[in-house]
Amino acid sequence: MKTFLRSLFLTLLCCPILFAADPGLHIIKTYKLGGDGGWDYLKIDPESRHLYITRATHVIVIDADSGKPVGDIPDTPGAHGVALAPDLGRGFVSNGREGTVSIFDLTTLKPISKVAAVGQNPDAILFDPATKLVFTFNGRSQDSTAINAATGEIVGKIPLGGKPEFAVSTGEGEIFVNLEDKSELLALDPKGLKVKSRWPLAPCEEPSGLAMDIKNRRLFSGCDNKMMTVVDADSGKLITTLPIGDGVDANGFDPDSGLAFASCGEGVLTVVNEDSPDKFTVAQNVTTQRGARTMAFDPKTHQIFLVTAKFGPTPAAKPGQERPRPPILPDTFVVLVVGK
């Protein structure tokens, strides 16, 4: 019996993947920023420690470690996302209401120029290191616009055949993007400016957030019907689905810990453990705050940044308005930092 117990203990010790341990994540800091207006994507620069937060008509830039403001990028009507090209010293903001992209200096945070007529309602935006191109994903015109990051010139567009949401780049000549209205995942060729593959995400509905485990070639999509899908980035095969919170709008992945994240507007950050490339389990549901639906993962500190505010009562729906939004209460905007 002693020999059996000793063998069992050693087996469990050597095979920790048999049990998905609670990562022990929780809110460790809250930065009170205040101000008015809504928000969308966040972007962190791990080296400069700048956290970029889009706020409707401008972009707030704070120090990620202290929460102190370090700058503000003005004149970004309907700002959605931020992309960074550190080697070029440039940053880019997608301005949804104006159909433009603002280019700014990463050191001074001062505006440089604007790229006009990139598409209708540019939403997600990313910099692809392999091609040195910035790609906007335009919700209303259902296409992606490629911009030369060094010159600001538009070099081409990719018709997508649906409403794009978030996108990710491997940095080696591959881009993936969710189509919200089609519940599809597309693989793009950023050099040839074309769609390589188109994969259904069923049973996922209305995918928004997207993250990737580049090493193991796994894509994580956040779906409106409270699930995360895991897809093989080579074949498009659906590996599994996992339950997450309601109102997801962003995903992240930590390659060091093997944890995937889904930030959900109901006030939950769902944490999924990659037990192996083909096995995933929900490890934790971190209580955050209502409205904390977008996030940025910091690969340097392994912390997650979320933003939200307090809300007033939801007004009654007006004719032609399906889902009215509750008003944001003034000066309640905060950044939540989740870590250990």
Protein backbone atom coordinates (compact mmCIF):
# COMPACT_ATOMS: atom_id res chain seq x y z
CA MET A 1 0.00 0.00 0.00
CA LYS A 2 2.81 2.42 0.86
CA THR A 3 4.45 1.69 -2.48
CA PHE A 4 1.16 2.33 -4.29
CA LEU A 5 0.55 5.63 -2.49
CA ARG A 6 4.10 6.75 -3.18
CA SER A 7 3.69 5.94 -6.88
CA LEU A 8 0.34 7.73 -7.00
CA PHE A 9 1.85 10.82 -5.35
CA LEU A 10 4.73 10.91 -7.83
CA THR A 11 2.35 10.48 -10.76
CA LEU A 12 0.21 13.42 -9.64
CA LEU A 13 3.28 15.50 -8.95
CA CYS A 14 4.62 14.91 -12.43
CA CYS A 15 1.26 15.43 -14.15
CA PRO A 16 -0.13 18.76 -12.93
CA ILE A 17 -2.34 19.07 -16.00
CA LEU A 18 -4.70 16.56 -14.42
CA PHE A 19 -5.99 19.42 -12.28
CA ALA A 20 -6.61 22.96 -13.53
CA ALA A 21 -5.30 25.06 -10.66
CA ASP A 22 -6.98 28.36 -9.86
CA PRO A 23 -4.56 31.06 -11.13
CA GLY A 24 -5.48 33.26 -8.17
CA LEU A 25 -6.11 36.40 -10.24
CA HIS A 26 -7.94 39.38 -8.76
CA ILE A 27 -8.15 43.15 -9.01
CA ILE A 28 -4.91 44.48 -7.52
CA LYS A 29 -5.20 48.16 -8.51
CA THR A 30 -7.84 50.65 -9.58
CA TYR A 31 -6.89 53.86 -11.40
CA LYS A 32 -9.56 56.56 -11.22
CA LEU A 33 -9.39 58.61 -14.41
CA GLY A 34 -12.82 60.25 -14.58
CA GLY A 35 -13.81 62.31 -17.60
CA ASP A 36 -16.75 61.90 -19.96
CA GLY A 37 -17.51 59.74 -22.97
CA GLY A 38 -17.44 56.09 -23.92
CA TRP A 39 -14.49 53.87 -24.73
CA ASP A 40 -13.41 50.93 -26.84
CA TYR A 41 -10.08 49.10 -27.25
CA LEU A 42 -7.00 49.37 -25.06
CA LYS A 43 -3.40 48.94 -26.20
CA ILE A 44 -0.27 48.58 -24.07
CA ASP A 45 3.32 49.27 -25.04
CA PRO A 46 5.24 46.90 -22.74
CA GLU A 47 8.53 48.76 -23.12
CA SER A 48 7.46 52.39 -22.67
CA ARG A 49 4.79 51.29 -20.16
CA HIS A 50 2.25 53.46 -21.96
CA LEU A 51 -1.36 52.28 -21.86
CA TYR A 52 -3.51 53.76 -24.64
CA ILE A 53 -7.26 54.08 -24.02
CA THR A 54 -9.61 55.26 -26.76
CA ARG A 55 -12.28 57.64 -25.49
CA ALA A 56 -14.59 58.65 -28.32
CA THR A 57 -12.90 61.89 -29.43
CA HIS A 58 -9.39 61.46 -28.05
CA VAL A 59 -6.96 58.85 -26.73
CA ILE A 60 -5.84 58.90 -23.10
CA VAL A 61 -2.28 57.73 -22.45
CA ILE A 62 -1.34 56.72 -18.91
CA ASP A 63 1.60 55.06 -17.20
CA ALA A 64 0.57 51.42 -16.82
CA ASP A 65 2.39 51.01 -13.51
CA SER A 66 1.19 54.11 -11.69
CA GLY A 67 -1.99 55.11 -13.52
CA LYS A 68 -0.70 58.67 -13.92
CA PRO A 69 -1.59 60.51 -17.15
CA VAL A 70 1.36 61.00 -19.51
CA GLY A 71 -0.40 62.45 -22.55
CA ASP A 72 -3.51 62.84 -24.67
CA ILE A 73 -3.96 62.38 -28.41
CA PRO A 74 -6.70 64.76 -29.63
CA ASP A 75 -9.01 64.87 -32.65
CA THR A 76 -9.87 61.18 -33.03
CA PRO A 77 -13.63 61.20 -33.82
CA GLY A 78 -15.16 57.87 -32.90
CA ALA A 79 -11.81 56.38 -31.86
CA HIS A 80 -11.88 52.57 -31.71
CA GLY A 81 -8.37 51.11 -31.61
CA VAL A 82 -4.65 51.85 -31.45
CA ALA A 83 -1.79 50.15 -33.31
CA LEU A 84 1.90 50.63 -32.57
CA ALA A 85 4.95 50.44 -34.83
CA PRO A 86 7.83 50.83 -32.34
CA ASP A 87 10.61 50.46 -34.93
CA LEU A 88 9.14 53.38 -36.86
CA GLY A 89 8.33 55.43 -33.76
CA ARG A 90 4.72 55.77 -34.87
CA GLY A 91 1.28 55.00 -33.51
CA PHE A 92 -2.06 54.80 -35.32
CA VAL A 93 -5.68 55.40 -34.22
CA SER A 94 -8.77 54.21 -36.12
CA ASN A 95 -11.38 57.00 -36.17
CA GLY A 96 -14.72 55.32 -36.81
CA ARG A 97 -16.96 58.36 -37.23
CA GLU A 98 -14.56 60.12 -39.58
CA GLY A 99 -13.32 57.16 -41.61
CA THR A 100 -9.70 58.17 -41.03
CA VAL A 101 -6.56 57.01 -39.25
CA SER A 102 -4.57 59.39 -37.04
CA ILE A 103 -0.79 58.94 -37.04
CA PHE A 104 1.11 60.11 -33.95
CA ASP A 105 4.67 60.15 -32.62
CA LEU A 106 5.31 57.45 -30.00
CA THR A 107 7.82 59.58 -28.08
CA THR A 108 6.04 62.93 -27.95
CA LEU A 109 2.49 61.57 -28.48
CA LYS A 110 1.95 64.52 -30.85
CA PRO A 111 -0.21 64.06 -33.98
CA ILE A 112 1.73 63.73 -37.24
CA SER A 113 -0.97 63.41 -39.91
CA LYS A 114 -4.23 61.75 -40.88
CA VAL A 115 -4.94 59.12 -43.51
CA ALA A 116 -8.24 59.99 -45.19
CA ALA A 117 -10.93 57.73 -46.66
CA VAL A 118 -9.65 54.43 -45.25
CA GLY A 119 -13.16 52.94 -45.22
CA GLN A 120 -16.50 53.21 -43.50
CA ASN A 121 -16.30 52.90 -39.72
CA PRO A 122 -12.72 51.65 -39.24
CA ASP A 123 -12.83 49.64 -36.02
CA ALA A 124 -10.00 47.24 -35.11
CA ILE A 125 -6.50 48.23 -36.28
CA LEU A 126 -3.14 46.46 -36.17
CA PHE A 127 0.45 46.79 -37.34
CA ASP A 128 1.87 43.79 -39.20
CA PRO A 129 5.67 43.63 -38.64
CA ALA A 130 6.24 41.28 -41.59
CA THR A 131 4.93 43.73 -44.19
CA LYS A 132 5.34 47.02 -42.27
CA LEU A 133 1.70 47.71 -43.06
CA VAL A 134 -1.09 48.96 -40.82
CA PHE A 135 -4.45 47.28 -41.40
CA THR A 136 -7.80 48.80 -40.49
CA PHE A 137 -10.89 46.61 -40.30
CA ASN A 138 -13.85 48.61 -41.51
CA GLY A 139 -17.19 47.51 -40.13
CA ARG A 140 -19.57 49.31 -42.44
CA SER A 141 -17.71 48.90 -45.73
CA GLN A 142 -16.82 45.30 -44.78
CA ASP A 143 -13.21 45.47 -45.89
CA SER A 144 -9.67 45.91 -44.62
CA THR A 145 -7.42 48.79 -45.67
CA ALA A 146 -3.63 48.41 -45.84
CA ILE A 147 -1.57 51.52 -45.07
CA ASN A 148 2.19 51.93 -45.48
CA ALA A 149 3.22 52.60 -41.87
CA ALA A 150 6.24 54.69 -42.87
CA THR A 151 4.56 56.96 -45.43
CA GLY A 152 0.88 56.87 -44.44
CA GLU A 153 -0.14 55.96 -47.99
CA ILE A 154 -2.98 53.50 -48.68
CA VAL A 155 -1.56 50.57 -50.66
CA GLY A 156 -4.69 48.48 -51.11
CA LYS A 157 -7.88 46.98 -49.69
CA ILE A 158 -9.12 43.47 -48.98
CA PRO A 159 -12.88 42.80 -49.42
CA LEU A 160 -13.96 40.64 -46.47
CA GLY A 161 -17.58 39.79 -47.24
CA GLY A 162 -18.79 40.59 -43.74
CA LYS A 163 -18.44 42.90 -40.74
CA PRO A 164 -14.96 42.54 -39.25
CA GLU A 165 -14.32 42.77 -35.53
CA PHE A 166 -10.98 42.10 -33.85
CA ALA A 167 -7.88 40.83 -35.67
CA VAL A 168 -4.46 39.39 -34.77
CA SER A 169 -1.13 39.08 -36.58
CA THR A 170 1.46 36.35 -36.12
CA GLY A 171 4.16 38.82 -37.15
CA GLU A 172 5.28 36.39 -39.85
CA GLY A 173 2.95 37.18 -42.73
CA GLU A 174 -0.39 35.98 -41.37
CA ILE A 175 -3.44 37.86 -40.12
CA PHE A 176 -6.67 36.44 -38.72
CA VAL A 177 -9.94 38.34 -38.24
CA ASN A 178 -13.43 37.57 -36.93
CA LEU A 179 -16.51 38.39 -39.00
CA GLU A 180 -19.20 39.28 -36.49
CA ASP A 181 -22.28 39.10 -38.71
CA LYS A 182 -21.24 35.89 -40.48
CA SER A 183 -19.83 34.05 -37.43
CA GLU A 184 -16.73 33.29 -39.45
CA LEU A 185 -12.98 33.44 -38.97
CA LEU A 186 -10.80 34.55 -41.89
CA ALA A 187 -7.12 33.92 -42.56
CA LEU A 188 -5.59 36.78 -44.57
CA ASP A 189 -2.44 37.11 -46.66
CA PRO A 190 -1.16 40.59 -45.73
CA LYS A 191 1.47 40.58 -48.49
CA GLY A 192 -0.86 39.52 -51.29
CA LEU A 193 -3.77 41.51 -49.79
CA LYS A 194 -6.24 38.66 -50.08
CA VAL A 195 -8.34 36.21 -48.09
CA LYS A 196 -6.62 32.81 -47.87
CA SER A 197 -9.21 30.86 -45.90
CA ARG A 198 -12.74 31.34 -44.59
CA TRP A 199 -13.84 29.12 -41.68
CA PRO A 200 -17.26 28.81 -39.98
CA LEU A 201 -17.25 29.31 -36.19
CA ALA A 202 -20.56 27.58 -35.38
CA PRO A 203 -21.85 27.16 -32.72
CA CYS A 204 -20.24 30.54 -31.96
CA GLU A 205 -22.52 33.54 -32.59
CA GLU A 206 -21.32 37.08 -33.32
CA PRO A 207 -17.59 36.69 -32.55
CA SER A 208 -15.82 39.84 -31.41
CA GLY A 209 -12.59 39.45 -29.42
CA LEU A 210 -9.71 37.40 -30.84
CA ALA A 211 -6.37 36.23 -29.43
CA MET A 212 -3.77 33.67 -30.49
CA ASP A 213 -1.31 31.16 -29.11
CA ILE A 214 1.21 31.61 -31.91
CA LYS A 215 3.46 28.73 -30.84
CA ASN A 216 0.70 26.10 -30.76
CA ARG A 217 -1.33 27.68 -33.58
CA ARG A 218 -4.54 28.14 -31.61
CA LEU A 219 -7.04 30.99 -32.07
CA PHE A 220 -9.41 32.10 -29.30
CA SER A 221 -12.63 33.89 -30.31
CA GLY A 222 -15.05 35.49 -27.85
CA CYS A 223 -18.67 34.89 -28.87
CA ASP A 224 -21.86 36.76 -28.03
CA ASN A 225 -23.61 33.55 -26.90
CA LYS A 226 -21.33 33.25 -23.85
CA MET A 227 -18.68 30.95 -25.25
CA MET A 228 -15.06 30.96 -26.33
CA THR A 229 -14.08 28.92 -29.37
CA VAL A 230 -10.61 27.42 -29.86
CA VAL A 231 -9.66 26.92 -33.50
CA ASP A 232 -6.66 25.35 -35.25
CA ALA A 233 -4.98 28.18 -37.18
CA ASP A 234 -3.80 25.85 -39.94
CA SER A 235 -6.94 23.85 -40.72
CA GLY A 236 -9.72 26.00 -39.29
CA LYS A 237 -10.89 23.00 -37.28
CA LEU A 238 -12.89 23.77 -34.16
CA ILE A 239 -10.97 22.23 -31.25
CA THR A 240 -13.44 23.02 -28.46
CA THR A 241 -15.79 25.58 -26.93
CA LEU A 242 -15.75 26.88 -23.36
CA PRO A 243 -18.31 28.81 -21.29
CA ILE A 244 -17.50 32.46 -20.56
CA GLY A 245 -19.33 35.47 -19.16
CA ASP A 246 -21.93 37.58 -20.97
CA GLY A 247 -21.03 40.56 -23.16
CA VAL A 248 -17.50 39.62 -24.26
CA ASP A 249 -15.65 42.13 -26.45
CA ALA A 250 -11.96 41.23 -26.11
CA ASN A 251 -9.65 38.26 -25.65
CA GLY A 252 -6.02 37.79 -24.66
CA PHE A 253 -3.41 35.06 -24.31
CA ASP A 254 -0.35 34.68 -22.09
CA PRO A 255 2.21 32.42 -23.82
CA ASP A 256 4.22 32.01 -20.60
CA SER A 257 1.39 30.71 -18.42
CA GLY A 258 -0.80 29.21 -21.16
CA LEU A 259 -3.80 31.19 -19.97
CA ALA A 260 -6.40 32.67 -22.33
CA PHE A 261 -8.71 35.50 -21.23
CA ALA A 262 -12.16 36.79 -22.15
CA SER A 263 -13.28 40.16 -20.76
CA CYS A 264 -17.06 40.24 -20.40
CA GLY A 265 -19.35 43.22 -19.88
CA GLU A 266 -21.39 41.52 -17.17
CA GLY A 267 -18.37 42.06 -14.90
CA VAL A 268 -16.40 38.84 -15.31
CA LEU A 269 -12.96 38.01 -16.70
CA THR A 270 -13.04 34.34 -17.71
CA VAL A 271 -9.65 32.61 -17.52
CA VAL A 272 -9.04 29.45 -19.54
CA ASN A 273 -6.07 27.15 -19.03
CA GLU A 274 -4.38 25.50 -22.01
CA ASP A 275 -3.76 22.08 -20.53
CA SER A 276 -2.43 20.97 -23.91
CA PRO A 277 -2.92 22.25 -27.48
CA ASP A 278 -6.06 20.13 -27.70
CA LYS A 279 -7.39 20.37 -24.14
CA PHE A 280 -8.65 23.49 -22.40
CA THR A 281 -10.45 24.10 -19.11
CA VAL A 282 -11.99 27.11 -17.40
CA ALA A 283 -9.63 27.86 -14.52
CA GLN A 284 -11.25 30.95 -12.99
CA ASN A 285 -13.94 33.60 -13.35
CA VAL A 286 -12.54 36.82 -11.92
CA THR A 287 -15.11 39.32 -10.66
CA THR A 288 -14.36 42.69 -12.27
CA GLN A 289 -17.04 45.35 -12.75
CA ARG A 290 -20.05 45.82 -14.98
CA GLY A 291 -19.03 47.23 -18.35
CA ALA A 292 -15.44 45.92 -18.26
CA ARG A 293 -15.72 44.36 -21.72
CA THR A 294 -12.39 45.35 -23.34
CA MET A 295 -8.90 44.50 -22.15
CA ALA A 296 -5.17 44.64 -22.81
CA PHE A 297 -2.75 41.94 -21.68
CA ASP A 298 0.71 43.03 -20.56
CA PRO A 299 3.29 40.35 -21.47
CA LYS A 300 5.89 41.99 -19.22
CA THR A 301 3.98 41.90 -15.91
CA HIS A 302 1.36 39.28 -16.90
CA GLN A 303 -1.33 41.70 -15.74
CA ILE A 304 -4.63 42.46 -17.47
CA PHE A 305 -5.97 45.99 -17.87
CA LEU A 306 -9.70 46.63 -18.19
CA VAL A 307 -11.74 49.83 -18.28
CA THR A 308 -15.28 50.66 -17.23
CA ALA A 309 -17.47 53.19 -15.46
CA LYS A 310 -20.69 53.37 -13.48
CA PHE A 311 -24.01 53.56 -15.29
CA GLY A 312 -27.41 55.10 -14.74
CA PRO A 313 -30.77 53.38 -15.40
CA THR A 314 -31.34 52.02 -18.91
CA PRO A 315 -33.87 54.22 -20.75
CA ALA A 316 -36.91 52.83 -22.50
CA ALA A 317 -36.37 51.81 -26.10
CA LYS A 318 -37.39 54.33 -28.75
CA PRO A 319 -39.03 53.35 -32.06
CA GLY A 320 -36.41 51.67 -34.24
CA GLN A 321 -34.00 51.30 -31.32
CA GLU A 322 -33.59 47.70 -30.21
CA ARG A 323 -31.12 47.92 -27.33
CA PRO A 324 -30.79 51.33 -25.69
CA ARG A 325 -27.64 51.81 -23.64
CA PRO A 326 -27.62 53.07 -20.08
CA PRO A 327 -25.98 56.48 -19.60
CA ILE A 328 -22.41 56.64 -18.32
CA LEU A 329 -22.23 58.57 -15.07
CA PRO A 330 -19.75 61.48 -15.24
CA ASP A 331 -16.30 61.12 -13.69
CA THR A 332 -16.70 57.41 -12.82
CA PHE A 333 -14.34 56.06 -15.48
CA VAL A 334 -11.69 53.69 -14.08
CA VAL A 335 -8.92 51.31 -15.12
CA LEU A 336 -8.94 47.94 -13.36
CA VAL A 337 -5.65 46.05 -13.09
CA VAL A 338 -5.98 42.28 -12.64
CA GLY A 339 -3.01 40.27 -11.44
CA LYS A 340 -1.73 38.11 -8.60
